[in-house]
Amino acid sequence: MLGRKRARDIDHAEVIGAVQGIIRTDGLLAVTSERIAAALEVPRVAVDVDTVLAEAYRDLWTSEIAEVRRTVLANPTPAEQLRALLAWLATPPEDSDAVRLEAWALTRRNPLLRTAVRDNEAAWHAFVASVVRRGARVGDFLEADADEVAAQVISLIDGINAYQLIGYRSDLDRMRLLTRLLRSELGVVWGPALADAFPPDRPA
C-alpha cells in the first residue's frame, strides 16, 4: 500500500511506542504482532511480542512513578507527601489499574513481564517506605518498620484498587481500610477522604 513503511525501516523505539499506544487505548491483551504492524502502518513486523510488551510496560510505569514522585515531593512535609502519594495510589486513573491487573495476569506466561511487574512493585514499595522513614524521623509518624508498613500499604492498595474495578464495596469502605492501617501503624489520623492529617501525640 502506498505510504506504508517496510518492516526493515521500523526501528526499535517506534515498535515500543506503538506497543505503548496499544496498551493505553486497548490494554496489554490487545498487543499482537498484527496490531503492532497496523499501528506502524506496515504489512507485518518481525518482533517478539512478549519482549516488546515487557519493555513497553516497564517504560510506562517508570514514567508514571517519576511523575508521581515529582508531584508528591513538591509537598513540604512527609505527612503531606504520604497523603498525596496515597491519594494517587488509592485513586489512580482507571486505565492504570486495568493495565496493572492485565499485566499481573499475563505474567503467568511471560517471564520478562513478570520481572517488570515485580520491579514496579518494588519501586512503589521503596517510595512509600522512604516517605515513612522521613516522617518518623521528623515526628510526623510513630516509629515503625518502614519496609513492613510499605508492604502492608501496597498490598492493601492493590486489593482495594482491584475491588474498585469491579465495583465491590463502596469507595468509603475501601478507604476506611487504608486509613485504619495508617492510624494503627503510624499514629496518623486521616478521614476516609485522606483529609485532616494529624501527627501522632508525643509524650511531653
N, C-alpha and C. Protein backbone atom coordinates (compact mmCIF):
# COMPACT_ATOMS: atom_id res chain seq x y z
N MET A 1 0.86 -1.19 0.00
CA MET A 1 0.00 0.00 0.00
C MET A 1 0.88 1.23 0.00
N LEU A 2 0.52 2.24 -0.81
CA LEU A 2 1.31 3.44 -0.92
C LEU A 2 1.42 4.12 0.44
N GLY A 3 2.62 4.57 0.76
CA GLY A 3 2.84 5.27 2.02
C GLY A 3 3.16 4.36 3.19
N ARG A 4 2.98 3.06 3.02
CA ARG A 4 3.33 2.15 4.11
C ARG A 4 4.84 1.95 4.17
N LYS A 5 5.37 1.82 5.38
CA LYS A 5 6.79 1.53 5.56
C LYS A 5 7.01 0.04 5.47
N ARG A 6 8.19 -0.34 5.06
CA ARG A 6 8.55 -1.75 5.10
C ARG A 6 9.03 -2.10 6.50
N ALA A 7 8.90 -3.36 6.88
CA ALA A 7 9.24 -3.78 8.23
C ALA A 7 10.67 -3.41 8.59
N ARG A 8 11.62 -3.52 7.62
CA ARG A 8 13.02 -3.26 7.95
C ARG A 8 13.29 -1.78 8.22
N ASP A 9 12.35 -0.89 7.85
CA ASP A 9 12.54 0.53 8.09
C ASP A 9 12.11 0.95 9.51
N ILE A 10 11.50 0.04 10.24
CA ILE A 10 10.99 0.36 11.56
C ILE A 10 12.07 0.11 12.61
N ASP A 11 12.37 1.15 13.39
CA ASP A 11 13.38 0.93 14.43
C ASP A 11 12.70 0.51 15.74
N HIS A 12 13.52 0.11 16.70
CA HIS A 12 13.00 -0.47 17.93
C HIS A 12 12.17 0.53 18.72
N ALA A 13 12.61 1.78 18.75
CA ALA A 13 11.87 2.80 19.51
C ALA A 13 10.47 2.98 18.95
N GLU A 14 10.31 2.89 17.62
CA GLU A 14 8.99 3.00 17.02
C GLU A 14 8.10 1.84 17.44
N VAL A 15 8.68 0.66 17.51
CA VAL A 15 7.91 -0.52 17.92
C VAL A 15 7.41 -0.34 19.35
N ILE A 16 8.32 0.08 20.24
CA ILE A 16 7.94 0.27 21.64
C ILE A 16 6.87 1.35 21.76
N GLY A 17 7.01 2.43 21.01
CA GLY A 17 6.00 3.48 21.03
C GLY A 17 4.65 2.98 20.56
N ALA A 18 4.65 2.14 19.52
CA ALA A 18 3.40 1.57 19.02
C ALA A 18 2.76 0.67 20.07
N VAL A 19 3.57 -0.15 20.73
CA VAL A 19 3.04 -1.05 21.77
C VAL A 19 2.45 -0.24 22.92
N GLN A 20 3.13 0.83 23.32
CA GLN A 20 2.60 1.68 24.39
C GLN A 20 1.27 2.30 24.00
N GLY A 21 1.15 2.71 22.74
CA GLY A 21 -0.12 3.26 22.28
C GLY A 21 -1.25 2.25 22.35
N ILE A 22 -0.96 1.01 21.98
CA ILE A 22 -1.98 -0.05 22.06
C ILE A 22 -2.36 -0.30 23.52
N ILE A 23 -1.35 -0.34 24.39
CA ILE A 23 -1.62 -0.57 25.81
C ILE A 23 -2.53 0.53 26.35
N ARG A 24 -2.24 1.78 26.02
CA ARG A 24 -3.03 2.90 26.55
C ARG A 24 -4.48 2.86 26.07
N THR A 25 -4.67 2.46 24.84
CA THR A 25 -6.04 2.50 24.29
C THR A 25 -6.83 1.23 24.53
N ASP A 26 -6.18 0.07 24.41
CA ASP A 26 -6.91 -1.19 24.46
C ASP A 26 -6.36 -2.21 25.46
N GLY A 27 -5.27 -1.89 26.14
CA GLY A 27 -4.74 -2.79 27.15
C GLY A 27 -3.69 -3.76 26.63
N LEU A 28 -3.05 -4.46 27.55
CA LEU A 28 -1.97 -5.38 27.20
C LEU A 28 -2.47 -6.56 26.39
N LEU A 29 -3.69 -7.00 26.66
CA LEU A 29 -4.21 -8.17 25.98
C LEU A 29 -4.38 -7.93 24.48
N ALA A 30 -4.44 -6.67 24.08
CA ALA A 30 -4.64 -6.35 22.66
C ALA A 30 -3.33 -6.32 21.88
N VAL A 31 -2.20 -6.46 22.56
CA VAL A 31 -0.91 -6.36 21.87
C VAL A 31 -0.61 -7.67 21.14
N THR A 32 -0.63 -7.60 19.82
CA THR A 32 -0.26 -8.72 18.97
C THR A 32 0.65 -8.19 17.87
N SER A 33 1.31 -9.09 17.16
CA SER A 33 2.17 -8.64 16.07
C SER A 33 1.34 -7.95 14.99
N GLU A 34 0.11 -8.42 14.78
CA GLU A 34 -0.77 -7.80 13.78
C GLU A 34 -1.14 -6.38 14.18
N ARG A 35 -1.47 -6.19 15.48
CA ARG A 35 -1.83 -4.85 15.93
C ARG A 35 -0.63 -3.91 15.87
N ILE A 36 0.54 -4.42 16.21
CA ILE A 36 1.74 -3.58 16.13
C ILE A 36 1.99 -3.16 14.68
N ALA A 37 1.88 -4.10 13.77
CA ALA A 37 2.09 -3.79 12.36
C ALA A 37 1.08 -2.75 11.88
N ALA A 38 -0.17 -2.92 12.29
CA ALA A 38 -1.20 -1.96 11.88
C ALA A 38 -0.90 -0.57 12.43
N ALA A 39 -0.45 -0.50 13.68
CA ALA A 39 -0.13 0.79 14.29
C ALA A 39 1.02 1.47 13.58
N LEU A 40 1.96 0.66 13.09
CA LEU A 40 3.13 1.19 12.38
C LEU A 40 2.88 1.37 10.88
N GLU A 41 1.73 0.93 10.43
CA GLU A 41 1.35 1.01 9.01
C GLU A 41 2.33 0.26 8.12
N VAL A 42 2.59 -0.97 8.52
CA VAL A 42 3.41 -1.88 7.71
C VAL A 42 2.64 -3.19 7.55
N PRO A 43 2.94 -3.95 6.51
CA PRO A 43 2.21 -5.21 6.32
C PRO A 43 2.43 -6.20 7.45
N ARG A 44 3.62 -6.22 7.97
CA ARG A 44 3.96 -7.14 9.07
C ARG A 44 5.21 -6.62 9.75
N VAL A 45 5.43 -7.09 10.96
CA VAL A 45 6.61 -6.68 11.70
C VAL A 45 7.15 -7.90 12.45
N ALA A 46 8.44 -8.10 12.35
CA ALA A 46 9.07 -9.26 12.99
C ALA A 46 9.57 -8.87 14.38
N VAL A 47 8.75 -9.12 15.38
CA VAL A 47 9.13 -8.81 16.75
C VAL A 47 8.72 -9.97 17.65
N ASP A 48 9.40 -10.08 18.78
CA ASP A 48 8.97 -11.00 19.83
C ASP A 48 7.99 -10.23 20.71
N VAL A 49 6.72 -10.57 20.62
CA VAL A 49 5.68 -9.79 21.30
C VAL A 49 5.90 -9.77 22.81
N ASP A 50 6.27 -10.90 23.40
CA ASP A 50 6.49 -10.93 24.85
C ASP A 50 7.58 -9.95 25.26
N THR A 51 8.64 -9.86 24.48
CA THR A 51 9.76 -8.98 24.81
C THR A 51 9.37 -7.51 24.72
N VAL A 52 8.75 -7.12 23.61
CA VAL A 52 8.41 -5.70 23.45
C VAL A 52 7.28 -5.30 24.39
N LEU A 53 6.39 -6.24 24.72
CA LEU A 53 5.34 -5.93 25.68
C LEU A 53 5.93 -5.62 27.05
N ALA A 54 6.87 -6.44 27.49
CA ALA A 54 7.51 -6.22 28.79
C ALA A 54 8.27 -4.90 28.81
N GLU A 55 8.98 -4.59 27.73
CA GLU A 55 9.74 -3.34 27.69
C GLU A 55 8.83 -2.13 27.67
N ALA A 56 7.76 -2.20 26.88
CA ALA A 56 6.83 -1.08 26.82
C ALA A 56 6.15 -0.86 28.17
N TYR A 57 5.77 -1.94 28.83
CA TYR A 57 5.14 -1.82 30.15
C TYR A 57 6.12 -1.20 31.15
N ARG A 58 7.36 -1.63 31.12
CA ARG A 58 8.36 -1.09 32.04
C ARG A 58 8.55 0.41 31.82
N ASP A 59 8.63 0.82 30.56
CA ASP A 59 8.80 2.24 30.26
C ASP A 59 7.61 3.06 30.74
N LEU A 60 6.41 2.52 30.58
CA LEU A 60 5.21 3.23 31.01
C LEU A 60 5.19 3.44 32.51
N TRP A 61 5.46 2.37 33.29
CA TRP A 61 5.38 2.56 34.73
C TRP A 61 6.56 3.37 35.27
N THR A 62 7.70 3.30 34.61
CA THR A 62 8.83 4.12 35.04
C THR A 62 8.49 5.60 34.90
N SER A 63 7.86 5.96 33.79
CA SER A 63 7.44 7.35 33.59
C SER A 63 6.37 7.74 34.60
N GLU A 64 5.46 6.82 34.87
CA GLU A 64 4.37 7.10 35.81
C GLU A 64 4.92 7.37 37.20
N ILE A 65 5.81 6.54 37.68
CA ILE A 65 6.38 6.73 39.01
C ILE A 65 7.17 8.03 39.08
N ALA A 66 7.92 8.35 38.05
CA ALA A 66 8.69 9.59 38.04
C ALA A 66 7.77 10.80 38.16
N GLU A 67 6.65 10.75 37.46
CA GLU A 67 5.69 11.87 37.52
C GLU A 67 5.07 11.98 38.90
N VAL A 68 4.66 10.85 39.46
CA VAL A 68 4.05 10.87 40.80
C VAL A 68 5.07 11.33 41.83
N ARG A 69 6.30 10.89 41.71
CA ARG A 69 7.35 11.29 42.65
C ARG A 69 7.52 12.81 42.66
N ARG A 70 7.57 13.42 41.46
CA ARG A 70 7.72 14.87 41.39
C ARG A 70 6.55 15.58 42.06
N THR A 71 5.35 15.08 41.83
CA THR A 71 4.16 15.70 42.42
C THR A 71 4.15 15.55 43.93
N VAL A 72 4.46 14.36 44.40
CA VAL A 72 4.43 14.08 45.84
C VAL A 72 5.49 14.88 46.59
N LEU A 73 6.70 14.89 46.08
CA LEU A 73 7.80 15.54 46.79
C LEU A 73 7.72 17.06 46.72
N ALA A 74 6.79 17.58 45.94
CA ALA A 74 6.57 19.03 45.94
C ALA A 74 5.87 19.48 47.22
N ASN A 75 5.29 18.53 47.97
CA ASN A 75 4.66 18.85 49.25
C ASN A 75 5.73 19.03 50.32
N PRO A 76 5.53 19.95 51.26
CA PRO A 76 6.61 20.32 52.18
C PRO A 76 6.93 19.35 53.31
N THR A 77 5.96 18.54 53.76
CA THR A 77 6.20 17.66 54.90
C THR A 77 5.94 16.20 54.53
N PRO A 78 6.56 15.28 55.26
CA PRO A 78 6.31 13.86 54.99
C PRO A 78 4.84 13.48 55.13
N ALA A 79 4.13 14.07 56.10
CA ALA A 79 2.71 13.75 56.27
C ALA A 79 1.92 14.15 55.02
N GLU A 80 2.23 15.33 54.49
CA GLU A 80 1.54 15.77 53.28
C GLU A 80 1.98 14.97 52.06
N GLN A 81 3.25 14.57 52.05
CA GLN A 81 3.76 13.75 50.96
C GLN A 81 3.07 12.39 50.95
N LEU A 82 2.93 11.78 52.13
CA LEU A 82 2.29 10.48 52.20
C LEU A 82 0.82 10.58 51.81
N ARG A 83 0.17 11.64 52.26
CA ARG A 83 -1.24 11.81 51.91
C ARG A 83 -1.39 11.94 50.39
N ALA A 84 -0.52 12.73 49.75
CA ALA A 84 -0.60 12.90 48.30
C ALA A 84 -0.30 11.59 47.58
N LEU A 85 0.68 10.85 48.08
CA LEU A 85 1.05 9.58 47.46
C LEU A 85 -0.08 8.57 47.57
N LEU A 86 -0.68 8.47 48.76
CA LEU A 86 -1.76 7.51 48.95
C LEU A 86 -3.02 7.91 48.18
N ALA A 87 -3.25 9.22 48.08
CA ALA A 87 -4.40 9.68 47.31
C ALA A 87 -4.27 9.24 45.86
N TRP A 88 -3.05 9.27 45.33
CA TRP A 88 -2.86 8.83 43.95
C TRP A 88 -2.95 7.31 43.85
N LEU A 89 -2.26 6.61 44.74
CA LEU A 89 -2.25 5.15 44.68
C LEU A 89 -3.64 4.56 44.86
N ALA A 90 -4.43 5.17 45.74
CA ALA A 90 -5.76 4.62 46.03
C ALA A 90 -6.80 5.02 44.99
N THR A 91 -6.53 6.09 44.24
CA THR A 91 -7.49 6.52 43.22
C THR A 91 -6.76 6.90 41.94
N PRO A 92 -6.00 5.96 41.36
CA PRO A 92 -5.28 6.26 40.12
C PRO A 92 -6.25 6.30 38.95
N PRO A 93 -5.78 6.76 37.79
CA PRO A 93 -6.65 6.67 36.61
C PRO A 93 -7.10 5.23 36.41
N GLU A 94 -8.38 5.05 36.05
CA GLU A 94 -8.93 3.70 35.96
C GLU A 94 -8.16 2.83 34.98
N ASP A 95 -7.70 3.43 33.87
CA ASP A 95 -6.97 2.63 32.89
C ASP A 95 -5.64 2.15 33.46
N SER A 96 -5.07 2.90 34.42
CA SER A 96 -3.84 2.48 35.05
C SER A 96 -4.04 1.19 35.84
N ASP A 97 -5.15 1.12 36.58
CA ASP A 97 -5.47 -0.09 37.34
C ASP A 97 -5.73 -1.28 36.42
N ALA A 98 -6.48 -1.05 35.35
CA ALA A 98 -6.80 -2.14 34.44
C ALA A 98 -5.54 -2.69 33.79
N VAL A 99 -4.65 -1.79 33.37
CA VAL A 99 -3.39 -2.21 32.77
C VAL A 99 -2.57 -3.02 33.77
N ARG A 100 -2.55 -2.55 34.99
CA ARG A 100 -1.78 -3.23 36.04
C ARG A 100 -2.28 -4.66 36.26
N LEU A 101 -3.60 -4.83 36.33
CA LEU A 101 -4.16 -6.16 36.57
C LEU A 101 -3.95 -7.08 35.36
N GLU A 102 -4.07 -6.52 34.17
CA GLU A 102 -3.79 -7.33 32.98
C GLU A 102 -2.34 -7.79 32.98
N ALA A 103 -1.44 -6.90 33.36
CA ALA A 103 -0.02 -7.26 33.40
C ALA A 103 0.21 -8.41 34.38
N TRP A 104 -0.43 -8.33 35.54
CA TRP A 104 -0.29 -9.41 36.52
C TRP A 104 -0.75 -10.73 35.93
N ALA A 105 -1.89 -10.72 35.23
CA ALA A 105 -2.42 -11.96 34.66
C ALA A 105 -1.48 -12.53 33.60
N LEU A 106 -0.90 -11.67 32.78
CA LEU A 106 -0.05 -12.14 31.69
C LEU A 106 1.32 -12.62 32.14
N THR A 107 1.69 -12.33 33.38
CA THR A 107 2.99 -12.79 33.86
C THR A 107 3.07 -14.31 33.96
N ARG A 108 1.94 -14.97 33.93
CA ARG A 108 1.94 -16.44 34.01
C ARG A 108 2.70 -17.05 32.84
N ARG A 109 2.68 -16.38 31.70
CA ARG A 109 3.34 -16.96 30.53
C ARG A 109 4.45 -16.08 29.96
N ASN A 110 4.72 -14.96 30.60
CA ASN A 110 5.73 -14.02 30.11
C ASN A 110 6.70 -13.68 31.24
N PRO A 111 7.82 -14.40 31.35
CA PRO A 111 8.77 -14.15 32.43
C PRO A 111 9.35 -12.74 32.42
N LEU A 112 9.54 -12.17 31.23
CA LEU A 112 10.08 -10.81 31.15
C LEU A 112 9.09 -9.81 31.73
N LEU A 113 7.82 -10.00 31.44
CA LEU A 113 6.80 -9.13 32.01
C LEU A 113 6.70 -9.33 33.51
N ARG A 114 6.87 -10.57 33.97
CA ARG A 114 6.83 -10.85 35.41
C ARG A 114 7.92 -10.05 36.12
N THR A 115 9.10 -10.01 35.53
CA THR A 115 10.19 -9.24 36.13
C THR A 115 9.86 -7.75 36.16
N ALA A 116 9.28 -7.24 35.08
CA ALA A 116 8.90 -5.83 35.03
C ALA A 116 7.85 -5.50 36.08
N VAL A 117 6.87 -6.38 36.25
CA VAL A 117 5.82 -6.17 37.24
C VAL A 117 6.41 -6.20 38.65
N ARG A 118 7.30 -7.14 38.91
CA ARG A 118 7.92 -7.21 40.24
C ARG A 118 8.76 -5.97 40.51
N ASP A 119 9.48 -5.50 39.50
CA ASP A 119 10.27 -4.28 39.67
C ASP A 119 9.37 -3.07 39.93
N ASN A 120 8.21 -3.06 39.29
CA ASN A 120 7.24 -1.99 39.52
C ASN A 120 6.78 -2.00 40.98
N GLU A 121 6.41 -3.16 41.47
CA GLU A 121 6.00 -3.27 42.87
C GLU A 121 7.12 -2.82 43.81
N ALA A 122 8.34 -3.23 43.51
CA ALA A 122 9.48 -2.86 44.35
C ALA A 122 9.71 -1.36 44.35
N ALA A 123 9.51 -0.72 43.20
CA ALA A 123 9.71 0.73 43.11
C ALA A 123 8.68 1.48 43.95
N TRP A 124 7.40 1.06 43.86
CA TRP A 124 6.38 1.71 44.68
C TRP A 124 6.65 1.46 46.17
N HIS A 125 7.05 0.23 46.49
CA HIS A 125 7.37 -0.11 47.88
C HIS A 125 8.47 0.81 48.40
N ALA A 126 9.54 0.97 47.64
CA ALA A 126 10.67 1.78 48.07
C ALA A 126 10.25 3.24 48.28
N PHE A 127 9.39 3.73 47.41
CA PHE A 127 8.95 5.12 47.52
C PHE A 127 8.11 5.33 48.77
N VAL A 128 7.14 4.44 49.01
CA VAL A 128 6.32 4.54 50.22
C VAL A 128 7.21 4.45 51.46
N ALA A 129 8.13 3.49 51.48
CA ALA A 129 9.00 3.30 52.65
C ALA A 129 9.86 4.54 52.90
N SER A 130 10.33 5.18 51.84
CA SER A 130 11.19 6.37 52.02
C SER A 130 10.40 7.51 52.66
N VAL A 131 9.14 7.68 52.29
CA VAL A 131 8.31 8.73 52.88
C VAL A 131 8.03 8.40 54.34
N VAL A 132 7.76 7.13 54.64
CA VAL A 132 7.51 6.72 56.03
C VAL A 132 8.74 6.96 56.89
N ARG A 133 9.91 6.64 56.38
CA ARG A 133 11.14 6.87 57.15
C ARG A 133 11.34 8.35 57.46
N ARG A 134 11.14 9.20 56.46
CA ARG A 134 11.31 10.64 56.69
C ARG A 134 10.30 11.14 57.70
N GLY A 135 9.06 10.64 57.62
CA GLY A 135 8.04 11.08 58.55
C GLY A 135 8.34 10.68 59.98
N ALA A 136 8.85 9.47 60.17
CA ALA A 136 9.21 9.03 61.52
C ALA A 136 10.38 9.85 62.06
N ARG A 137 11.31 10.18 61.17
CA ARG A 137 12.50 10.93 61.59
C ARG A 137 12.15 12.33 62.09
N VAL A 138 11.17 12.98 61.47
CA VAL A 138 10.82 14.35 61.87
C VAL A 138 9.64 14.40 62.82
N GLY A 139 9.08 13.25 63.18
CA GLY A 139 8.00 13.22 64.16
C GLY A 139 6.60 13.30 63.58
N ASP A 140 6.46 13.24 62.26
CA ASP A 140 5.12 13.21 61.67
C ASP A 140 4.42 11.88 61.93
N PHE A 141 5.22 10.80 62.03
CA PHE A 141 4.66 9.46 62.22
C PHE A 141 5.30 8.82 63.44
N LEU A 142 4.62 7.82 63.98
CA LEU A 142 5.22 6.99 65.01
C LEU A 142 6.38 6.19 64.41
N GLU A 143 7.32 5.82 65.26
CA GLU A 143 8.40 4.95 64.79
C GLU A 143 7.81 3.61 64.36
N ALA A 144 8.22 3.15 63.19
CA ALA A 144 7.69 1.90 62.67
C ALA A 144 8.69 1.32 61.69
N ASP A 145 8.54 0.03 61.40
CA ASP A 145 9.35 -0.61 60.37
C ASP A 145 8.83 -0.14 59.02
N ALA A 146 9.57 0.76 58.38
CA ALA A 146 9.09 1.40 57.15
C ALA A 146 8.84 0.38 56.04
N ASP A 147 9.70 -0.63 55.94
CA ASP A 147 9.51 -1.64 54.90
C ASP A 147 8.25 -2.47 55.15
N GLU A 148 8.01 -2.77 56.42
CA GLU A 148 6.81 -3.54 56.76
C GLU A 148 5.55 -2.73 56.48
N VAL A 149 5.57 -1.46 56.86
CA VAL A 149 4.42 -0.60 56.61
C VAL A 149 4.18 -0.46 55.11
N ALA A 150 5.26 -0.25 54.35
CA ALA A 150 5.12 -0.11 52.90
C ALA A 150 4.52 -1.36 52.28
N ALA A 151 4.97 -2.54 52.75
CA ALA A 151 4.43 -3.79 52.21
C ALA A 151 2.93 -3.90 52.50
N GLN A 152 2.52 -3.52 53.71
CA GLN A 152 1.09 -3.57 54.05
C GLN A 152 0.29 -2.58 53.21
N VAL A 153 0.83 -1.38 53.06
CA VAL A 153 0.12 -0.35 52.30
C VAL A 153 -0.04 -0.76 50.84
N ILE A 154 1.05 -1.22 50.22
CA ILE A 154 0.99 -1.59 48.81
C ILE A 154 0.05 -2.76 48.58
N SER A 155 0.13 -3.77 49.45
CA SER A 155 -0.75 -4.93 49.26
C SER A 155 -2.21 -4.56 49.46
N LEU A 156 -2.48 -3.67 50.43
CA LEU A 156 -3.86 -3.25 50.66
C LEU A 156 -4.37 -2.41 49.49
N ILE A 157 -3.54 -1.54 48.98
CA ILE A 157 -3.95 -0.70 47.85
C ILE A 157 -4.18 -1.55 46.60
N ASP A 158 -3.32 -2.54 46.37
CA ASP A 158 -3.56 -3.44 45.24
C ASP A 158 -4.94 -4.07 45.35
N GLY A 159 -5.31 -4.46 46.57
CA GLY A 159 -6.61 -5.10 46.77
C GLY A 159 -7.77 -4.13 46.58
N ILE A 160 -7.68 -2.94 47.18
CA ILE A 160 -8.82 -2.03 47.09
C ILE A 160 -8.98 -1.49 45.67
N ASN A 161 -7.87 -1.38 44.94
CA ASN A 161 -7.99 -0.93 43.55
C ASN A 161 -8.63 -2.00 42.68
N ALA A 162 -8.32 -3.26 42.97
CA ALA A 162 -8.98 -4.35 42.25
C ALA A 162 -10.47 -4.36 42.57
N TYR A 163 -10.82 -4.13 43.83
CA TYR A 163 -12.23 -4.03 44.22
C TYR A 163 -12.93 -2.91 43.46
N GLN A 164 -12.22 -1.78 43.33
CA GLN A 164 -12.82 -0.62 42.67
C GLN A 164 -13.16 -0.93 41.21
N LEU A 165 -12.30 -1.68 40.55
CA LEU A 165 -12.53 -2.01 39.14
C LEU A 165 -13.82 -2.80 38.94
N ILE A 166 -14.16 -3.64 39.89
CA ILE A 166 -15.36 -4.46 39.74
C ILE A 166 -16.54 -3.92 40.55
N GLY A 167 -16.34 -2.74 41.17
CA GLY A 167 -17.43 -2.13 41.91
C GLY A 167 -17.78 -2.85 43.19
N TYR A 168 -16.79 -3.49 43.81
CA TYR A 168 -17.05 -4.23 45.04
C TYR A 168 -16.81 -3.33 46.25
N ARG A 169 -17.83 -3.18 47.07
CA ARG A 169 -17.83 -2.32 48.24
C ARG A 169 -17.71 -0.86 47.81
N SER A 170 -17.99 0.03 48.72
CA SER A 170 -18.02 1.44 48.37
C SER A 170 -16.63 2.06 48.48
N ASP A 171 -16.47 3.22 47.87
CA ASP A 171 -15.21 3.96 47.98
C ASP A 171 -14.89 4.21 49.46
N LEU A 172 -15.91 4.59 50.22
CA LEU A 172 -15.71 4.90 51.64
C LEU A 172 -15.24 3.68 52.41
N ASP A 173 -15.84 2.52 52.14
CA ASP A 173 -15.45 1.29 52.82
C ASP A 173 -13.98 0.96 52.54
N ARG A 174 -13.59 1.09 51.27
CA ARG A 174 -12.22 0.74 50.90
C ARG A 174 -11.21 1.69 51.53
N MET A 175 -11.54 2.98 51.54
CA MET A 175 -10.61 3.94 52.11
C MET A 175 -10.52 3.83 53.63
N ARG A 176 -11.60 3.37 54.26
CA ARG A 176 -11.54 3.15 55.72
C ARG A 176 -10.48 2.10 56.06
N LEU A 177 -10.38 1.07 55.24
CA LEU A 177 -9.37 0.03 55.47
C LEU A 177 -7.98 0.64 55.46
N LEU A 178 -7.73 1.52 54.50
CA LEU A 178 -6.42 2.13 54.37
C LEU A 178 -6.12 3.08 55.52
N THR A 179 -7.06 3.94 55.86
CA THR A 179 -6.81 4.91 56.93
C THR A 179 -6.71 4.22 58.29
N ARG A 180 -7.41 3.12 58.45
CA ARG A 180 -7.29 2.36 59.71
C ARG A 180 -5.89 1.78 59.86
N LEU A 181 -5.35 1.27 58.76
CA LEU A 181 -3.99 0.74 58.78
C LEU A 181 -2.99 1.85 59.14
N LEU A 182 -3.14 3.02 58.54
CA LEU A 182 -2.20 4.11 58.78
C LEU A 182 -2.28 4.61 60.22
N ARG A 183 -3.49 4.62 60.77
CA ARG A 183 -3.63 5.04 62.16
C ARG A 183 -2.96 4.03 63.09
N SER A 184 -3.16 2.76 62.80
CA SER A 184 -2.59 1.71 63.64
C SER A 184 -1.07 1.70 63.58
N GLU A 185 -0.51 1.82 62.38
CA GLU A 185 0.93 1.66 62.20
C GLU A 185 1.71 2.96 62.41
N LEU A 186 1.13 4.08 62.00
CA LEU A 186 1.88 5.34 62.01
C LEU A 186 1.31 6.37 62.99
N GLY A 187 0.15 6.07 63.57
CA GLY A 187 -0.44 7.00 64.51
C GLY A 187 -1.05 8.23 63.87
N VAL A 188 -1.25 8.21 62.56
CA VAL A 188 -1.79 9.37 61.86
C VAL A 188 -3.29 9.20 61.69
N VAL A 189 -4.05 10.24 62.06
CA VAL A 189 -5.50 10.19 61.97
C VAL A 189 -5.92 10.89 60.69
N TRP A 190 -6.46 10.10 59.75
CA TRP A 190 -6.98 10.64 58.50
C TRP A 190 -8.41 10.17 58.34
N GLY A 191 -9.22 11.03 57.78
CA GLY A 191 -10.55 10.61 57.39
C GLY A 191 -10.47 9.75 56.14
N PRO A 192 -11.56 9.08 55.77
CA PRO A 192 -11.55 8.21 54.60
C PRO A 192 -11.20 8.93 53.30
N ALA A 193 -11.37 10.24 53.27
CA ALA A 193 -11.01 11.00 52.07
C ALA A 193 -9.56 11.50 52.16
N LEU A 194 -8.80 10.97 53.12
CA LEU A 194 -7.42 11.39 53.37
C LEU A 194 -7.35 12.88 53.69
N ALA A 195 -8.38 13.37 54.38
CA ALA A 195 -8.40 14.76 54.79
C ALA A 195 -8.00 14.87 56.26
N ASP A 196 -7.51 16.06 56.62
CA ASP A 196 -7.21 16.35 58.02
C ASP A 196 -6.22 15.38 58.64
N ALA A 197 -4.98 15.43 58.17
CA ALA A 197 -3.94 14.58 58.73
C ALA A 197 -3.38 15.22 59.99
N PHE A 198 -3.24 14.43 61.04
CA PHE A 198 -2.69 14.92 62.28
C PHE A 198 -1.50 14.05 62.68
N PRO A 199 -0.39 14.65 63.12
CA PRO A 199 0.72 13.82 63.58
C PRO A 199 0.35 13.15 64.89
N PRO A 200 1.05 12.08 65.25
CA PRO A 200 0.73 11.36 66.49
C PRO A 200 1.05 12.21 67.71
N ASP A 201 0.31 11.94 68.79
CA ASP A 201 0.62 12.59 70.05
C ASP A 201 1.97 12.07 70.55
N ARG A 202 2.78 12.98 71.07
CA ARG A 202 4.08 12.61 71.60
C ARG A 202 4.12 12.92 73.08
N PRO A 203 4.79 12.06 73.87
CA PRO A 203 4.94 12.38 75.29
C PRO A 203 5.66 13.72 75.45
N ALA A 204 5.29 14.47 76.45
CA ALA A 204 5.94 15.76 76.70
C ALA A 204 7.38 15.53 77.12
